[in-house]
PDB file of N, CA and C in Angstrom:
ATOM      1  N   MET A   1     171.644 110.553 163.572  1.00  0.00           N
ATOM      2  CA  MET A   1     171.136 109.956 162.772  1.00  0.00           C
ATOM      3  C   MET A   1     171.742 108.879 161.890  1.00  0.00           C
ATOM      4  N   ALA A   2     171.189 107.609 161.902  1.00  0.00           N
ATOM      5  CA  ALA A   2     171.833 106.428 161.245  1.00  0.00           C
ATOM      6  C   ALA A   2     171.557 106.751 159.848  1.00  0.00           C
ATOM      7  N   THR A   3     172.311 106.270 158.466  1.00  0.00           N
ATOM      8  CA  THR A   3     172.280 106.767 157.409  1.00  0.00           C
ATOM      9  C   THR A   3     172.083 105.536 156.844  1.00  0.00           C
ATOM     10  N   THR A   4     171.388 104.732 155.904  1.00  0.00           N
ATOM     11  CA  THR A   4     171.065 103.676 155.516  1.00  0.00           C
ATOM     12  C   THR A   4     172.046 103.558 154.138  1.00  0.00           C
ATOM     13  N   ALA A   5     172.475 102.198 153.637  1.00  0.00           N
ATOM     14  CA  ALA A   5     173.243 102.258 152.095  1.00  0.00           C
ATOM     15  C   ALA A   5     172.257 102.699 151.509  1.00  0.00           C
ATOM     16  N   ARG A   6     171.029 102.376 151.416  1.00  0.00           N
ATOM     17  CA  ARG A   6     170.253 103.160 150.170  1.00  0.00           C
ATOM     18  C   ARG A   6     170.504 104.297 149.890  1.00  0.00           C
ATOM     19  N   ASP A   7     170.348 105.175 151.371  1.00  0.00           N
ATOM     20  CA  ASP A   7     170.283 106.753 151.292  1.00  0.00           C
ATOM     21  C   ASP A   7     171.577 107.232 150.873  1.00  0.00           C
ATOM     22  N   ARG A   8     172.784 106.562 151.180  1.00  0.00           N
ATOM     23  CA  ARG A   8     174.246 107.105 150.920  1.00  0.00           C
ATOM     24  C   ARG A   8     174.090 106.802 149.354  1.00  0.00           C
ATOM     25  N   LEU A   9     173.558 105.738 148.907  1.00  0.00           N
ATOM     26  CA  LEU A   9     174.047 105.522 147.389  1.00  0.00           C
ATOM     27  C   LEU A   9     172.840 106.093 146.617  1.00  0.00           C
ATOM     28  N   ALA A  10     171.997 106.947 146.830  1.00  0.00           N
ATOM     29  CA  ALA A  10     171.074 107.873 146.471  1.00  0.00           C
ATOM     30  C   ALA A  10     171.577 108.963 146.264  1.00  0.00           C
ATOM     31  N   ARG A  11     172.428 109.676 147.354  1.00  0.00           N
ATOM     32  CA  ARG A  11     173.148 111.017 147.380  1.00  0.00           C
ATOM     33  C   ARG A  11     174.177 110.554 146.644  1.00  0.00           C
ATOM     34  N   THR A  12     174.568 109.310 146.466  1.00  0.00           N
ATOM     35  CA  THR A  12     176.181 109.249 145.283  1.00  0.00           C
ATOM     36  C   THR A  12     175.364 109.342 144.180  1.00  0.00           C
ATOM     37  N   LEU A  13     174.585 108.812 143.686  1.00  0.00           N
ATOM     38  CA  LEU A  13     174.065 108.666 142.587  1.00  0.00           C
ATOM     39  C   LEU A  13     173.619 110.199 141.888  1.00  0.00           C
ATOM     40  N   ARG A  14     172.861 110.792 142.859  1.00  0.00           N
ATOM     41  CA  ARG A  14     172.728 112.151 142.479  1.00  0.00           C
ATOM     42  C   ARG A  14     173.712 113.102 142.282  1.00  0.00           C
ATOM     43  N   GLY A  15     175.089 112.789 142.833  1.00  0.00           N
ATOM     44  CA  GLY A  15     175.935 113.720 142.610  1.00  0.00           C
ATOM     45  C   GLY A  15     176.095 114.599 144.205  1.00  0.00           C
ATOM     46  N   ASP A  16     175.250 114.207 145.308  1.00  0.00           N
ATOM     47  CA  ASP A  16     175.166 114.986 146.398  1.00  0.00           C
ATOM     48  C   ASP A  16     176.418 114.554 147.420  1.00  0.00           C
ATOM     49  N   ALA A  17     176.810 113.429 146.783  1.00  0.00           N
ATOM     50  CA  ALA A  17     177.963 112.869 147.547  1.00  0.00           C
ATOM     51  C   ALA A  17     179.277 112.104 147.403  1.00  0.00           C
ATOM     52  N   GLN A  18     180.265 112.151 147.596  1.00  0.00           N
ATOM     53  CA  GLN A  18     181.523 111.800 146.874  1.00  0.00           C
ATOM     54  C   GLN A  18     182.085 110.818 147.701  1.00  0.00           C
ATOM     55  N   ALA A  19     182.201 109.409 147.236  1.00  0.00           N
ATOM     56  CA  ALA A  19     183.028 108.554 148.119  1.00  0.00           C
ATOM     57  C   ALA A  19     184.245 108.081 147.283  1.00  0.00           C
ATOM     58  N   ALA A  20     184.662 108.105 147.926  1.00  0.00           N
ATOM     59  CA  ALA A  20     186.609 107.419 147.542  1.00  0.00           C
ATOM     60  C   ALA A  20     186.373 106.169 147.455  1.00  0.00           C
ATOM     61  N   PHE A  21     187.236 105.274 146.539  1.00  0.00           N
ATOM     62  CA  PHE A  21     187.454 104.186 145.933  1.00  0.00           C
ATOM     63  C   PHE A  21     188.690 103.572 146.698  1.00  0.00           C
ATOM     64  N   SER A  22     189.395 104.410 147.491  1.00  0.00           N
ATOM     65  CA  SER A  22     190.563 103.739 147.595  1.00  0.00           C
ATOM     66  C   SER A  22     190.855 104.790 148.759  1.00  0.00           C
ATOM     67  N   VAL A  23     191.720 104.365 149.756  1.00  0.00           N
ATOM     68  CA  VAL A  23     192.526 105.076 150.943  1.00  0.00           C
ATOM     69  C   VAL A  23     193.633 105.032 151.129  1.00  0.00           C
ATOM     70  N   GLU A  24     194.405 105.671 151.304  1.00  0.00           N
ATOM     71  CA  GLU A  24     195.372 106.027 152.146  1.00  0.00           C
ATOM     72  C   GLU A  24     195.957 106.122 153.157  1.00  0.00           C
ATOM     73  N   LEU A  25     196.638 105.447 154.391  1.00  0.00           N
ATOM     74  CA  LEU A  25     196.940 106.103 155.624  1.00  0.00           C
ATOM     75  C   LEU A  25     198.229 105.583 155.993  1.00  0.00           C
ATOM     76  N   THR A  26     199.124 106.245 156.908  1.00  0.00           N
ATOM     77  CA  THR A  26     200.765 106.183 157.349  1.00  0.00           C
ATOM     78  C   THR A  26     200.430 105.851 158.721  1.00  0.00           C
ATOM     79  N   ALA A  27     200.665 105.136 159.540  1.00  0.00           N
ATOM     80  CA  ALA A  27     200.987 104.694 160.755  1.00  0.00           C
ATOM     81  C   ALA A  27     202.427 104.745 161.353  1.00  0.00           C
ATOM     82  N   ARG A  28     202.653 105.102 162.710  1.00  0.00           N
ATOM     83  CA  ARG A  28     203.710 105.375 163.204  1.00  0.00           C
ATOM     84  C   ARG A  28     204.425 103.865 163.009  1.00  0.00           C
ATOM     85  N   PRO A  29     205.504 103.364 163.040  1.00  0.00           N
ATOM     86  CA  PRO A  29     206.050 102.012 162.991  1.00  0.00           C
ATOM     87  C   PRO A  29     206.015 101.471 164.467  1.00  0.00           C
ATOM     88  N   ASP A  30     205.698 102.629 165.641  1.00  0.00           N
ATOM     89  CA  ASP A  30     206.135 102.170 166.807  1.00  0.00           C
ATOM     90  C   ASP A  30     204.361 101.370 167.166  1.00  0.00           C
ATOM     91  N   ALA A  31     203.594 101.710 166.155  1.00  0.00           N
ATOM     92  CA  ALA A  31     202.095 101.381 166.380  1.00  0.00           C
ATOM     93  C   ALA A  31     201.935  99.934 165.938  1.00  0.00           C
ATOM     94  N   LEU A  32     203.080  99.197 165.464  1.00  0.00           N
ATOM     95  CA  LEU A  32     202.928  97.558 165.326  1.00  0.00           C
ATOM     96  C   LEU A  32     203.807  97.021 166.143  1.00  0.00           C
ATOM     97  N   THR A  33     203.605  95.866 166.551  1.00  0.00           N
ATOM     98  CA  THR A  33     204.631  95.100 167.117  1.00  0.00           C
ATOM     99  C   THR A  33     204.414  93.691 166.200  1.00  0.00           C
ATOM    100  N   LEU A  34     206.117  93.622 165.757  1.00  0.00           N
ATOM    101  CA  LEU A  34     206.231  92.309 164.619  1.00  0.00           C
ATOM    102  C   LEU A  34     207.429  91.384 165.698  1.00  0.00           C
ATOM    103  N   ALA A  35     206.759  90.568 165.506  1.00  0.00           N
ATOM    104  CA  ALA A  35     207.736  89.282 166.043  1.00  0.00           C
ATOM    105  C   ALA A  35     207.924  88.362 165.159  1.00  0.00           C
ATOM    106  N   VAL A  36     208.864  87.620 165.001  1.00  0.00           N
ATOM    107  CA  VAL A  36     209.278  86.258 164.288  1.00  0.00           C
ATOM    108  C   VAL A  36     210.021  85.203 164.683  1.00  0.00           C
ATOM    109  N   GLU A  37     209.414  84.228 165.140  1.00  0.00           N
ATOM    110  CA  GLU A  37     210.197  82.848 165.719  1.00  0.00           C
ATOM    111  C   GLU A  37     211.402  82.768 164.776  1.00  0.00           C
ATOM    112  N   GLY A  38     212.171  82.659 165.677  1.00  0.00           N
ATOM    113  CA  GLY A  38     213.719  82.670 165.307  1.00  0.00           C
ATOM    114  C   GLY A  38     214.321  83.612 165.098  1.00  0.00           C
ATOM    115  N   PHE A  39     213.592  84.713 165.108  1.00  0.00           N
ATOM    116  CA  PHE A  39     214.542  86.209 164.816  1.00  0.00           C
ATOM    117  C   PHE A  39     214.244  86.998 165.889  1.00  0.00           C
ATOM    118  N   GLY A  40     213.021  87.200 166.418  1.00  0.00           N
ATOM    119  CA  GLY A  40     212.714  88.195 167.911  1.00  0.00           C
ATOM    120  C   GLY A  40     211.943  89.200 167.083  1.00  0.00           C
ATOM    121  N   LEU A  41     211.911  90.153 167.906  1.00  0.00           N
ATOM    122  CA  LEU A  41     211.248  91.586 167.759  1.00  0.00           C
ATOM    123  C   LEU A  41     211.662  92.244 166.679  1.00  0.00           C
ATOM    124  N   VAL A  42     210.760  92.785 165.581  1.00  0.00           N
ATOM    125  CA  VAL A  42     211.553  93.414 163.999  1.00  0.00           C
ATOM    126  C   VAL A  42     211.620  94.765 164.563  1.00  0.00           C
ATOM    127  N   LYS A  43     212.884  95.336 164.471  1.00  0.00           N
ATOM    128  CA  LYS A  43     212.526  96.768 164.980  1.00  0.00           C
ATOM    129  C   LYS A  43     213.037  97.379 163.259  1.00  0.00           C
ATOM    130  N   PHE A  44     212.127  98.383 163.232  1.00  0.00           N
ATOM    131  CA  PHE A  44     212.203  99.643 162.142  1.00  0.00           C
ATOM    132  C   PHE A  44     213.005 100.625 162.167  1.00  0.00           C
ATOM    133  N   PRO A  45     214.136 100.721 161.344  1.00  0.00           N
ATOM    134  CA  PRO A  45     214.058 100.315 159.990  1.00  0.00           C
ATOM    135  C   PRO A  45     215.218  98.889 160.122  1.00  0.00           C
ATOM    136  N   VAL A  46     214.836  98.071 159.227  1.00  0.00           N
ATOM    137  CA  VAL A  46     215.321  96.787 158.748  1.00  0.00           C
ATOM    138  C   VAL A  46     216.677  96.625 158.482  1.00  0.00           C
ATOM    139  N   THR A  47     217.968  96.484 159.344  1.00  0.00           N
ATOM    140  CA  THR A  47     219.394  96.883 158.456  1.00  0.00           C
ATOM    141  C   THR A  47     219.263  95.485 157.380  1.00  0.00           C
ATOM    142  N   PRO A  48     220.079  95.726 156.318  1.00  0.00           N
ATOM    143  CA  PRO A  48     220.799  94.446 155.738  1.00  0.00           C
ATOM    144  C   PRO A  48     221.001  93.232 156.108  1.00  0.00           C
ATOM    145  N   ALA A  49     221.608  93.401 157.308  1.00  0.00           N
ATOM    146  CA  ALA A  49     222.271  91.941 158.155  1.00  0.00           C
ATOM    147  C   ALA A  49     220.901  91.434 158.176  1.00  0.00           C
ATOM    148  N   LYS A  50     219.426  92.107 159.033  1.00  0.00           N
ATOM    149  CA  LYS A  50     218.832  91.265 159.979  1.00  0.00           C
ATOM    150  C   LYS A  50     217.553  91.040 158.868  1.00  0.00           C
ATOM    151  N   ALA A  51     217.686  91.558 157.728  1.00  0.00           N
ATOM    152  CA  ALA A  51     216.523  91.288 156.700  1.00  0.00           C
ATOM    153  C   ALA A  51     217.207  90.347 155.521  1.00  0.00           C
ATOM    154  N   ARG A  52     218.974  90.014 156.075  1.00  0.00           N
ATOM    155  CA  ARG A  52     219.420  88.727 155.246  1.00  0.00           C
ATOM    156  C   ARG A  52     218.656  87.542 156.476  1.00  0.00           C
ATOM    157  N   LYS A  53     219.046  87.747 157.682  1.00  0.00           N
ATOM    158  CA  LYS A  53     218.369  86.943 158.819  1.00  0.00           C
ATOM    159  C   LYS A  53     216.832  86.605 158.697  1.00  0.00           C
ATOM    160  N   LEU A  54     216.116  87.469 158.231  1.00  0.00           N
ATOM    161  CA  LEU A  54     214.497  87.230 158.010  1.00  0.00           C
ATOM    162  C   LEU A  54     214.705  86.141 156.875  1.00  0.00           C
ATOM    163  N   VAL A  55     215.514  86.695 155.844  1.00  0.00           N
ATOM    164  CA  VAL A  55     214.863  85.824 154.653  1.00  0.00           C
ATOM    165  C   VAL A  55     215.484  84.413 154.841  1.00  0.00           C
ATOM    166  N   SER A  56     216.840  84.191 155.481  1.00  0.00           N
ATOM    167  CA  SER A  56     217.117  82.864 155.688  1.00  0.00           C
ATOM    168  C   SER A  56     215.560  81.773 156.770  1.00  0.00           C
ATOM    169  N   LEU A  57     214.681  82.559 157.190  1.00  0.00           N
ATOM    170  CA  LEU A  57     213.509  81.922 157.834  1.00  0.00           C
ATOM    171  C   LEU A  57     212.494  81.566 156.729  1.00  0.00           C
ATOM    172  N   GLY A  58     212.705  82.457 155.598  1.00  0.00           N
ATOM    173  CA  GLY A  58     211.627  82.622 154.518  1.00  0.00           C
ATOM    174  C   GLY A  58     212.024  81.591 153.657  1.00  0.00           C
ATOM    175  N   GLN A  59     210.757  81.374 152.629  1.00  0.00           N
ATOM    176  CA  GLN A  59     211.186  80.904 151.450  1.00  0.00           C
ATOM    177  C   GLN A  59     210.718  81.585 150.078  1.00  0.00           C
ATOM    178  N   PRO A  60     211.097  81.482 148.750  1.00  0.00           N
ATOM    179  CA  PRO A  60     210.659  81.937 147.748  1.00  0.00           C
ATOM    180  C   PRO A  60     209.102  81.938 147.467  1.00  0.00           C
ATOM    181  N   ALA A  61     208.346  83.229 147.335  1.00  0.00           N
ATOM    182  CA  ALA A  61     206.976  83.233 146.998  1.00  0.00           C
ATOM    183  C   ALA A  61     206.838  82.443 145.827  1.00  0.00           C
ATOM    184  N   ARG A  62     205.790  81.721 146.144  1.00  0.00           N
ATOM    185  CA  ARG A  62     205.048  81.145 144.925  1.00  0.00           C
ATOM    186  C   ARG A  62     203.797  81.823 144.206  1.00  0.00           C
ATOM    187  N   PHE A  63     203.513  81.867 143.158  1.00  0.00           N
ATOM    188  CA  PHE A  63     202.271  82.516 142.986  1.00  0.00           C
ATOM    189  C   PHE A  63     201.223  81.242 141.982  1.00  0.00           C
ATOM    190  N   GLY A  64     200.040  81.819 141.849  1.00  0.00           N
ATOM    191  CA  GLY A  64     198.959  81.018 140.836  1.00  0.00           C
ATOM    192  C   GLY A  64     199.273  81.527 139.181  1.00  0.00           C
ATOM    193  N   ARG A  65     199.197  80.671 138.516  1.00  0.00           N
ATOM    194  CA  ARG A  65     199.584  80.362 136.913  1.00  0.00           C
ATOM    195  C   ARG A  65     198.346  79.242 137.020  1.00  0.00           C
ATOM    196  N   GLY A  66     196.980  79.649 136.451  1.00  0.00           N
ATOM    197  CA  GLY A  66     195.782  78.834 136.086  1.00  0.00           C
ATOM    198  C   GLY A  66     195.900  78.152 137.476  1.00  0.00           C
ATOM    199  N   GLU A  67     195.638  76.715 137.509  1.00  0.00           N
ATOM    200  CA  GLU A  67     195.856  75.660 138.458  1.00  0.00           C
ATOM    201  C   GLU A  67     196.910  75.444 139.031  1.00  0.00           C
ATOM    202  N   GLU A  68     198.434  75.839 138.596  1.00  0.00           N
ATOM    203  CA  GLU A  68     199.462  75.469 139.034  1.00  0.00           C
ATOM    204  C   GLU A  68     199.724  76.793 140.207  1.00  0.00           C
ATOM    205  N   THR A  69     200.487  76.001 141.289  1.00  0.00           N
ATOM    206  CA  THR A  69     201.133  76.692 142.088  1.00  0.00           C
ATOM    207  C   THR A  69     202.535  76.780 141.632  1.00  0.00           C
ATOM    208  N   LEU A  70     203.306  78.073 141.240  1.00  0.00           N
ATOM    209  CA  LEU A  70     204.606  78.133 140.958  1.00  0.00           C
ATOM    210  C   LEU A  70     205.718  78.841 141.479  1.00  0.00           C
ATOM    211  N   THR A  71     207.140  78.930 141.250  1.00  0.00           N
ATOM    212  CA  THR A  71     207.916  79.473 142.176  1.00  0.00           C
ATOM    213  C   THR A  71     209.168  79.783 140.912  1.00  0.00           C
ATOM    214  N   ASP A  72     208.753  81.180 140.629  1.00  0.00           N
ATOM    215  CA  ASP A  72     209.562  81.692 139.420  1.00  0.00           C
ATOM    216  C   ASP A  72     210.559  83.194 140.036  1.00  0.00           C
ATOM    217  N   PRO A  73     211.439  83.269 140.119  1.00  0.00           N
ATOM    218  CA  PRO A  73     211.966  84.734 140.277  1.00  0.00           C
ATOM    219  C   PRO A  73     212.033  85.784 139.591  1.00  0.00           C
ATOM    220  N   ASP A  74     211.591  85.066 138.024  1.00  0.00           N
ATOM    221  CA  ASP A  74     211.714  86.408 137.000  1.00  0.00           C
ATOM    222  C   ASP A  74     210.046  86.888 136.941  1.00  0.00           C
ATOM    223  N   VAL A  75     209.143  86.011 137.825  1.00  0.00           N
ATOM    224  CA  VAL A  75     208.141  86.435 137.839  1.00  0.00           C
ATOM    225  C   VAL A  75     207.633  87.269 139.302  1.00  0.00           C
ATOM    226  N   ARG A  76     208.165  86.429 140.303  1.00  0.00           N
ATOM    227  CA  ARG A  76     207.779  87.084 141.661  1.00  0.00           C
ATOM    228  C   ARG A  76     209.213  86.990 142.375  1.00  0.00           C
ATOM    229  N   ASP A  77     210.012  87.919 142.660  1.00  0.00           N
ATOM    230  CA  ASP A  77     211.106  87.897 142.973  1.00  0.00           C
ATOM    231  C   ASP A  77     211.334  88.441 144.726  1.00  0.00           C
ATOM    232  N   THR A  78     210.581  87.767 145.217  1.00  0.00           N
ATOM    233  CA  THR A  78     210.548  87.811 146.690  1.00  0.00           C
ATOM    234  C   THR A  78     210.473  86.435 147.208  1.00  0.00           C
ATOM    235  N   TRP A  79     210.504  86.929 149.001  1.00  0.00           N
ATOM    236  CA  TRP A  79     210.221  85.591 149.674  1.00  0.00           C
ATOM    237  C   TRP A  79     209.278  86.220 151.118  1.00  0.00           C
ATOM    238  N   GLU A  80     208.947  84.952 151.725  1.00  0.00           N
ATOM    239  CA  GLU A  80     207.819  85.115 152.109  1.00  0.00           C
ATOM    240  C   GLU A  80     208.010  84.014 153.600  1.00  0.00           C
ATOM    241  N   ILE A  81     207.803  84.389 154.491  1.00  0.00           N
ATOM    242  CA  ILE A  81     207.992  83.947 155.825  1.00  0.00           C
ATOM    243  C   ILE A  81     206.767  83.249 156.396  1.00  0.00           C
ATOM    244  N   PRO A  82     206.871  81.886 156.659  1.00  0.00           N
ATOM    245  CA  PRO A  82     205.427  81.207 156.883  1.00  0.00           C
ATOM    246  C   PRO A  82     204.250  81.792 157.938  1.00  0.00           C
ATOM    247  N   ARG A  83     203.193  81.930 157.617  1.00  0.00           N
ATOM    248  CA  ARG A  83     202.654  82.855 158.692  1.00  0.00           C
ATOM    249  C   ARG A  83     202.476  82.252 160.149  1.00  0.00           C
ATOM    250  N   HIS A  84     202.789  80.710 160.099  1.00  0.00           N
ATOM    251  CA  HIS A  84     203.184  80.090 161.949  1.00  0.00           C
ATOM    252  C   HIS A  84     204.288  81.102 162.389  1.00  0.00           C
ATOM    253  N   LEU A  85     204.986  81.568 161.796  1.00  0.00           N
ATOM    254  CA  LEU A  85     206.283  81.997 162.639  1.00  0.00           C
ATOM    255  C   LEU A  85     206.146  83.463 162.688  1.00  0.00           C
ATOM    256  N   VAL A  86     205.069  84.190 162.388  1.00  0.00           N
ATOM    257  CA  VAL A  86     204.996  85.706 162.303  1.00  0.00           C
ATOM    258  C   VAL A  86     203.983  86.032 163.496  1.00  0.00           C
ATOM    259  N   ARG A  87     204.308  86.816 164.445  1.00  0.00           N
ATOM    260  CA  ARG A  87     202.846  87.632 165.353  1.00  0.00           C
ATOM    261  C   ARG A  87     203.162  89.066 165.407  1.00  0.00           C
ATOM    262  N   ALA A  88     201.695  89.354 165.041  1.00  0.00           N
ATOM    263  CA  ALA A  88     202.113  90.890 164.410  1.00  0.00           C
ATOM    264  C   ALA A  88     200.589  91.238 165.344  1.00  0.00           C
ATOM    265  N   GLU A  89     200.838  92.511 165.999  1.00  0.00           N
ATOM    266  CA  GLU A  89     199.753  93.202 166.797  1.00  0.00           C
ATOM    267  C   GLU A  89     199.679  94.685 166.829  1.00  0.00           C
ATOM    268  N   TRP A  90     198.762  95.042 166.566  1.00  0.00           N
ATOM    269  CA  TRP A  90     198.542  96.961 166.387  1.00  0.00           C
ATOM    270  C   TRP A  90     198.032  97.381 167.288  1.00  0.00           C
ATOM    271  N   ASP A  91     198.546  98.448 167.532  1.00  0.00           N
ATOM    272  CA  ASP A  91     198.172  99.212 168.647  1.00  0.00           C
ATOM    273  C   ASP A  91     196.714  99.597 168.538  1.00  0.00           C
ATOM    274  N   ALA A  92     195.771  99.153 169.549  1.00  0.00           N
ATOM    275  CA  ALA A  92     194.328  99.329 169.697  1.00  0.00           C
ATOM    276  C   ALA A  92     194.028 100.357 169.349  1.00  0.00           C
ATOM    277  N   ALA A  93     194.325 101.417 169.542  1.00  0.00           N
ATOM    278  CA  ALA A  93     193.809 102.960 169.625  1.00  0.00           C
ATOM    279  C   ALA A  93     194.099 103.573 167.844  1.00  0.00           C
ATOM    280  N   VAL A  94     195.306 102.950 167.334  1.00  0.00           N
ATOM    281  CA  VAL A  94     195.944 103.547 166.457  1.00  0.00           C
ATOM    282  C   VAL A  94     194.964 102.639 165.053  1.00  0.00           C
ATOM    283  N   LEU A  95     194.879 101.246 165.453  1.00  0.00           N
ATOM    284  CA  LEU A  95     194.151 100.508 164.523  1.00  0.00           C
ATOM    285  C   LEU A  95     192.462 100.807 164.805  1.00  0.00           C
ATOM    286  N   GLU A  96     191.985 101.432 165.739  1.00  0.00           N
ATOM    287  CA  GLU A  96     190.335 102.072 165.784  1.00  0.00           C
ATOM    288  C   GLU A  96     190.587 103.153 164.958  1.00  0.00           C
ATOM    289  N   ASP A  97     191.416 104.305 165.035  1.00  0.00           N
ATOM    290  CA  ASP A  97     191.164 105.414 164.329  1.00  0.00           C
ATOM    291  C   ASP A  97     191.570 105.047 162.822  1.00  0.00           C
ATOM    292  N   ALA A  98     192.483 104.299 162.376  1.00  0.00           N
ATOM    293  CA  ALA A  98     192.724 103.709 161.080  1.00  0.00           C
ATOM    294  C   ALA A  98     191.182 103.262 160.479  1.00  0.00           C
ATOM    295  N   LEU A  99     190.387 102.390 161.496  1.00  0.00           N
ATOM    296  CA  LEU A  99     189.190 101.860 160.736  1.00  0.00           C
ATOM    297  C   LEU A  99     188.042 102.926 160.706  1.00  0.00           C
ATOM    298  N   THR A 100     188.213 103.907 161.601  1.00  0.00           N
ATOM    299  CA  THR A 100     187.205 104.813 161.478  1.00  0.00           C
ATOM    300  C   THR A 100     187.218 105.805 160.251  1.00  0.00           C
ATOM    301  N   THR A 101     188.614 105.982 160.195  1.00  0.00           N
ATOM    302  CA  THR A 101     188.827 106.743 158.603  1.00  0.00           C
ATOM    303  C   THR A 101     188.982 106.442 157.354  1.00  0.00           C
ATOM    304  N   VAL A 102     189.109 104.673 157.351  1.00  0.00           N
ATOM    305  CA  VAL A 102     189.099 104.007 156.097  1.00  0.00           C
ATOM    306  C   VAL A 102     187.500 104.007 155.811  1.00  0.00           C
ATOM    307  N   LYS A 103     186.643 104.156 156.805  1.00  0.00           N
ATOM    308  CA  LYS A 103     185.111 103.773 156.625  1.00  0.00           C
ATOM    309  C   LYS A 103     184.588 105.215 156.205  1.00  0.00           C
ATOM    310  N   GLU A 104     185.018 106.348 157.391  1.00  0.00           N
ATOM    311  CA  GLU A 104     184.422 107.471 156.682  1.00  0.00           C
ATOM    312  C   GLU A 104     184.874 107.669 155.205  1.00  0.00           C
ATOM    313  N   GLU A 105     185.820 108.013 154.665  1.00  0.00           N
ATOM    314  CA  GLU A 105     186.414 107.945 153.274  1.00  0.00           C
ATOM    315  C   GLU A 105     185.921 106.984 152.165  1.00  0.00           C
ATOM    316  N   LEU A 106     185.107 106.016 152.644  1.00  0.00           N
ATOM    317  CA  LEU A 106     185.036 104.945 151.865  1.00  0.00           C
ATOM    318  C   LEU A 106     183.081 105.399 151.664  1.00  0.00           C
ATOM    319  N   GLY A 107     182.799 106.148 152.993  1.00  0.00           N
ATOM    320  CA  GLY A 107     181.508 106.137 152.970  1.00  0.00           C
ATOM    321  C   GLY A 107     180.754 105.327 153.354  1.00  0.00           C
ATOM    322  N   LEU A 108     181.476 104.168 154.383  1.00  0.00           N
ATOM    323  CA  LEU A 108     180.716 102.864 155.324  1.00  0.00           C
ATOM    324  C   LEU A 108     180.313 103.679 156.112  1.00  0.00           C
ATOM    325  N   PRO A 109     179.487 102.557 156.868  1.00  0.00           N
ATOM    326  CA  PRO A 109     178.953 102.926 158.854  1.00  0.00           C
ATOM    327  C   PRO A 109     179.808 102.787 159.414  1.00  0.00           C
ATOM    328  N   ASN A 110     180.096 103.080 160.237  1.00  0.00           N
ATOM    329  CA  ASN A 110     180.820 103.236 162.122  1.00  0.00           C
ATOM    330  C   ASN A 110     180.616 101.954 162.245  1.00  0.00           C
ATOM    331  N   ARG A 111     179.161 101.611 162.456  1.00  0.00           N
ATOM    332  CA  ARG A 111     179.125 100.485 163.549  1.00  0.00           C
ATOM    333  C   ARG A 111     177.944  99.184 162.257  1.00  0.00           C
ATOM    334  N   PRO A 112     178.173  97.986 162.906  1.00  0.00           N
ATOM    335  CA  PRO A 112     177.392  97.349 162.436  1.00  0.00           C
ATOM    336  C   PRO A 112     176.300  97.445 162.366  1.00  0.00           C
ATOM    337  N   GLY A 113     175.290  97.634 161.466  1.00  0.00           N
ATOM    338  CA  GLY A 113     173.506  97.663 161.194  1.00  0.00           C
ATOM    339  C   GLY A 113     173.631  99.076 161.209  1.00  0.00           C
ATOM    340  N   ASP A 114     174.560  99.814 160.762  1.00  0.00           N
ATOM    341  CA  ASP A 114     174.129 101.122 160.394  1.00  0.00           C
ATOM    342  C   ASP A 114     173.584 101.427 159.115  1.00  0.00           C
ATOM    343  N   GLY A 115     173.520 100.530 158.517  1.00  0.00           N
ATOM    344  CA  GLY A 115     173.210 100.448 156.945  1.00  0.00           C
ATOM    345  C   GLY A 115     173.129  99.416 156.007  1.00  0.00           C
TER     346      GLY A 115
END
């Protein structure tokens, strides 16, 4: 039987149900295929030499302050690789299991239209 959002909220407000506000999961490293153009397939753990190669493909990470976009290593000391160079693909079964777990832990419906 499908549970509506209203029913879940009512149970939570009555104290009949507990819903988490965050979820932590761990996935196997081989469940993610990660490739970077100019580097190739990223294998975990990443060695220091390979990390330097990845950094060479990136740029200092920027951050927002008001309406400005800035680069300041004292505020954000990290690098980012441009999105168009990165290809990431999750194992479909692992991703589906993770999404199901997250939905259950947060008290969300499992399918669109369940509440």
